[in-house]
Amino acid sequence: MAKKFKENFIFGISTSSYQIEGAVTEGGRGPSIWDKFSKIPNKIYEGHTGDIACNHYHKYKEDIGLMSEIGLDAYKFSISWSRIFPEKGKYNPEGMKFYMVFNG
C-alpha cells in the first residue's frame, strides 16, 4: 500500500560542503581544518579526503537539475568558510559567487 505525504509537506535535502563540493584548491578556496586533518596519516579510514568528494563544485548545475527532477521543495546546504575567507581577514568574492547560485 503506497502512502502519500500530507499536502503541505515540504520535501527537501541537506548537504555538507566538505562532503559534497570537492575542488579544495579551486576558486580561491583555502585549506580547511578537515583538509589538513584528512592528510595526517592513519587519521581517516583508507586516507579518504574531500579533495574531490561528489564534485558538486563542478557538477552543481546537474545536481540542481536532479533536485528539480525529483520535485524537491527545499535545499539546505552548508558553506565552506575557507571558500569565502581563504585566509584570516581575506574575503574571496569568487567563493561567495559560487554560493549565490543557490539563492536564486
Protein backbone atom coordinates (compact mmCIF):
# COMPACT_ATOMS: atom_id res chain seq x y z
CA MET A 1 0.00 0.00 0.00
CA ALA A 2 1.51 3.32 -1.09
CA LYS A 3 1.40 6.16 1.38
CA LYS A 4 1.35 9.83 0.50
CA PHE A 5 2.76 12.82 2.30
CA LYS A 6 0.35 15.41 3.62
CA GLU A 7 -0.42 18.17 1.12
CA ASN A 8 1.65 20.79 2.97
CA PHE A 9 4.70 18.51 3.47
CA ILE A 10 7.96 20.17 2.40
CA PHE A 11 10.26 17.64 0.73
CA GLY A 12 13.91 18.66 0.92
CA ILE A 13 17.51 17.59 1.36
CA SER A 14 20.62 18.96 3.01
CA THR A 15 24.31 18.69 2.21
CA SER A 16 27.62 19.39 3.91
CA SER A 17 30.11 21.46 1.90
CA TYR A 18 33.12 19.31 2.79
CA GLN A 19 31.32 16.08 1.91
CA ILE A 20 29.92 17.24 -1.43
CA GLU A 21 31.90 20.09 -3.04
CA GLY A 22 35.43 18.87 -3.72
CA ALA A 23 37.57 21.41 -5.63
CA VAL A 24 39.54 22.15 -2.47
CA THR A 25 42.16 24.25 -4.29
CA GLU A 26 39.89 25.95 -6.83
CA GLY A 27 38.05 29.25 -6.89
CA GLY A 28 40.38 30.83 -4.35
CA ARG A 29 39.48 28.36 -1.60
CA GLY A 30 41.94 27.97 1.24
CA PRO A 31 42.53 24.79 3.27
CA SER A 32 40.02 23.94 5.98
CA ILE A 33 40.65 22.15 9.26
CA TRP A 34 39.25 18.98 7.65
CA ASP A 35 41.56 19.33 4.65
CA LYS A 36 44.55 19.44 6.98
CA PHE A 37 43.30 16.68 9.29
CA SER A 38 42.48 14.27 6.46
CA LYS A 39 46.09 14.47 5.24
CA ILE A 40 47.50 13.20 8.56
CA PRO A 41 48.46 9.53 8.07
CA ASN A 42 46.19 6.97 9.78
CA LYS A 43 43.61 9.52 10.93
CA ILE A 44 40.96 8.85 8.27
CA TYR A 45 39.91 5.39 7.07
CA GLU A 46 41.84 4.45 3.94
CA GLY A 47 43.17 8.03 3.71
CA HIS A 48 39.95 9.42 2.22
CA THR A 49 39.74 13.19 1.75
CA GLY A 50 37.24 15.74 0.50
CA ASP A 51 39.54 16.73 -2.38
CA ILE A 52 37.03 15.51 -4.97
CA ALA A 53 34.08 14.42 -2.79
CA CYS A 54 30.95 14.35 -5.03
CA ASN A 55 32.48 17.02 -7.30
CA HIS A 56 29.49 19.29 -6.66
CA TYR A 57 31.63 22.37 -7.32
CA HIS A 58 31.83 21.33 -10.98
CA LYS A 59 28.50 19.48 -11.23
CA TYR A 60 26.20 21.84 -9.32
CA LYS A 61 24.06 22.59 -12.40
CA GLU A 62 23.48 18.88 -12.95
CA ASP A 63 22.80 18.42 -9.23
CA ILE A 64 20.26 21.26 -9.19
CA GLY A 65 18.57 19.70 -12.23
CA LEU A 66 18.29 16.38 -10.41
CA MET A 67 16.83 18.14 -7.36
CA SER A 68 14.21 19.74 -9.56
CA GLU A 69 13.53 16.49 -11.38
CA ILE A 70 12.64 14.67 -8.16
CA GLY A 71 10.43 17.55 -7.03
CA LEU A 72 12.33 18.94 -4.06
CA ASP A 73 10.79 21.92 -2.29
CA ALA A 74 13.82 22.83 -0.17
CA TYR A 75 17.60 22.57 -0.21
CA LYS A 76 19.68 23.30 2.91
CA PHE A 77 23.42 23.48 2.37
CA SER A 78 26.44 24.41 4.43
CA ILE A 79 29.06 26.90 3.32
CA SER A 80 32.79 26.21 3.28
CA TRP A 81 34.13 29.18 5.19
CA SER A 82 37.56 28.50 3.71
CA ARG A 83 36.00 29.18 0.30
CA ILE A 84 34.62 32.55 1.48
CA PHE A 85 37.58 33.51 3.68
CA PRO A 86 40.63 31.54 2.46
CA GLU A 87 42.83 33.38 4.96
CA LYS A 88 42.04 35.30 8.13
CA GLY A 89 40.55 38.65 7.15
CA LYS A 90 40.75 37.96 3.39
CA TYR A 91 37.37 37.87 1.63
CA ASN A 92 37.10 35.81 -1.58
CA PRO A 93 34.28 37.16 -3.82
CA GLU A 94 34.67 34.20 -6.21
CA GLY A 95 33.86 31.84 -3.35
CA MET A 96 30.72 33.79 -2.44
CA LYS A 97 29.65 33.87 -6.08
CA PHE A 98 29.58 30.05 -6.09
CA TYR A 99 27.04 30.00 -3.24
CA MET A 100 24.89 32.80 -4.65
CA VAL A 101 23.82 30.45 -7.47
CA PHE A 102 21.72 28.59 -4.88
CA ASN A 103 19.96 31.70 -3.66
CA GLY A 104 18.41 32.48 -7.00
